[in-house]
C-alpha cells in the first residue's frame, strides 16, 4: 500500500495535445507533443492500436505524470507518462470533462 505522502510525490498534470503521430517502424507507439502551460513536452505512448488516427487527438487535454526520469524509446526522449484506463487490453484516454488550464494539477 502507498501512503498519501507517496502519492503526493507524483506530479500529475493536464496538458493539451499539440501533435500526435505514429512512431515510424512501430505498430503500437505514438509520439505526442503536449503543452503543460509553462513547458512543452514529448511523450511516447503505446496508444496507436486504440487511436489509429492520432491527429484526431490534437486539442484534447490529457493527464500525464511529469516527474518520471526521461526514457529514450526508439531514439526519442519521452518526458513523462500519459495516464489511461485499460479496456480490452487497449488504452482509453483520461481527460477532464471540461477545459482546464494547461498545467493544472491532478489530485
Protein backbone atom coordinates (compact mmCIF):
# COMPACT_ATOMS: atom_id res chain seq x y z
CA UNK A 1 0.00 0.00 0.00
CA UNK A 2 1.12 3.55 -0.73
CA UNK A 3 0.79 6.35 1.73
CA UNK A 4 -0.67 9.73 0.84
CA UNK A 5 2.89 11.05 1.05
CA UNK A 6 3.92 8.56 -1.67
CA UNK A 7 1.02 9.65 -3.91
CA UNK A 8 1.84 13.32 -3.41
CA UNK A 9 5.31 12.72 -4.85
CA UNK A 10 3.70 12.21 -8.27
CA UNK A 11 3.49 15.35 -10.39
CA UNK A 12 0.33 14.64 -12.41
CA UNK A 13 -0.81 17.49 -14.65
CA UNK A 14 -3.12 18.22 -17.55
CA UNK A 15 -1.68 19.12 -20.93
CA UNK A 16 -3.16 19.82 -24.35
CA UNK A 17 -2.08 17.67 -27.29
CA UNK A 18 -0.33 19.86 -29.88
CA UNK A 19 0.55 16.97 -32.19
CA UNK A 20 0.24 13.20 -32.25
CA UNK A 21 1.76 10.86 -34.80
CA UNK A 22 2.84 7.26 -35.21
CA UNK A 23 6.43 6.45 -34.37
CA UNK A 24 7.91 5.08 -37.63
CA UNK A 25 8.53 1.36 -37.87
CA UNK A 26 6.33 0.55 -34.84
CA UNK A 27 2.82 -0.82 -34.54
CA UNK A 28 1.93 0.47 -31.08
CA UNK A 29 3.75 3.72 -30.40
CA UNK A 30 2.56 7.30 -30.80
CA UNK A 31 4.65 10.42 -30.30
CA UNK A 32 2.77 13.21 -28.56
CA UNK A 33 3.74 16.85 -28.15
CA UNK A 34 1.84 18.40 -25.24
CA UNK A 35 1.55 21.89 -23.81
CA UNK A 36 1.62 21.93 -20.00
CA UNK A 37 1.39 25.73 -19.68
CA UNK A 38 4.91 26.56 -18.57
CA UNK A 39 6.54 23.98 -20.84
CA UNK A 40 6.00 21.68 -23.79
CA UNK A 41 6.96 18.01 -23.61
CA UNK A 42 7.31 15.00 -25.86
CA UNK A 43 5.75 11.80 -24.54
CA UNK A 44 5.75 8.40 -26.22
CA UNK A 45 2.80 6.13 -25.50
CA UNK A 46 1.60 2.73 -26.70
CA UNK A 47 -1.68 4.11 -27.99
CA UNK A 48 -1.50 3.51 -31.78
CA UNK A 49 -3.79 0.46 -31.90
CA UNK A 50 -6.53 2.24 -29.91
CA UNK A 51 -6.08 5.53 -31.76
CA UNK A 52 -5.31 4.68 -35.43
CA UNK A 53 -5.92 8.33 -36.43
CA UNK A 54 -3.75 10.08 -33.84
CA UNK A 55 -4.23 13.54 -35.36
CA UNK A 56 -7.81 13.42 -34.02
CA UNK A 57 -6.31 13.71 -30.51
CA UNK A 58 -4.90 17.18 -31.26
CA UNK A 59 -6.59 19.69 -28.95
CA UNK A 60 -7.52 17.01 -26.40
CA UNK A 61 -6.45 17.55 -22.82
CA UNK A 62 -4.73 14.53 -21.24
CA UNK A 63 -3.34 13.66 -17.83
CA UNK A 64 0.35 12.82 -17.52
CA UNK A 65 2.92 12.08 -14.86
CA UNK A 66 5.70 14.62 -15.38
CA UNK A 67 8.30 13.79 -12.73
CA UNK A 68 9.49 10.47 -14.15
CA UNK A 69 13.04 10.24 -15.43
CA UNK A 70 13.10 10.70 -19.21
CA UNK A 71 13.34 7.45 -21.13
CA UNK A 72 14.56 7.07 -24.69
CA UNK A 73 12.18 4.98 -26.78
CA UNK A 74 13.07 4.29 -30.41
CA UNK A 75 15.56 7.14 -30.28
CA UNK A 76 13.03 9.65 -28.94
CA UNK A 77 13.26 11.06 -25.39
CA UNK A 78 9.93 10.54 -23.64
CA UNK A 79 9.48 13.15 -20.92
CA UNK A 80 6.57 11.70 -18.94
CA UNK A 81 3.82 9.10 -18.99
CA UNK A 82 0.28 9.59 -20.22
CA UNK A 83 -2.39 8.13 -17.97
CA UNK A 84 -5.10 5.92 -19.41
CA UNK A 85 -7.70 3.41 -18.43
CA UNK A 86 -7.33 -0.04 -19.99
CA UNK A 87 -10.29 -1.62 -21.78
CA UNK A 88 -9.92 -4.84 -23.78
CA UNK A 89 -6.15 -4.51 -23.31
CA UNK A 90 -6.10 -1.10 -25.05
CA UNK A 91 -5.58 2.37 -23.59
CA UNK A 92 -8.51 4.75 -23.20
CA UNK A 93 -7.58 8.41 -22.77
CA UNK A 94 -8.24 10.05 -19.41
CA UNK A 95 -9.19 13.68 -19.69
CA UNK A 96 -11.14 16.32 -17.78
CA UNK A 97 -14.85 16.64 -18.54
CA UNK A 98 -14.35 20.35 -19.24
CA UNK A 99 -11.43 22.51 -20.29
CA UNK A 100 -8.90 23.43 -17.60
CA UNK A 101 -5.70 25.45 -17.71
CA UNK A 102 -2.70 23.60 -19.12
CA UNK A 103 -0.54 22.51 -16.24
CA UNK A 104 -3.49 22.05 -13.87
CA UNK A 105 -2.58 19.63 -11.08
CA UNK A 106 -4.40 16.30 -10.79
CA UNK A 107 -5.06 15.22 -7.20
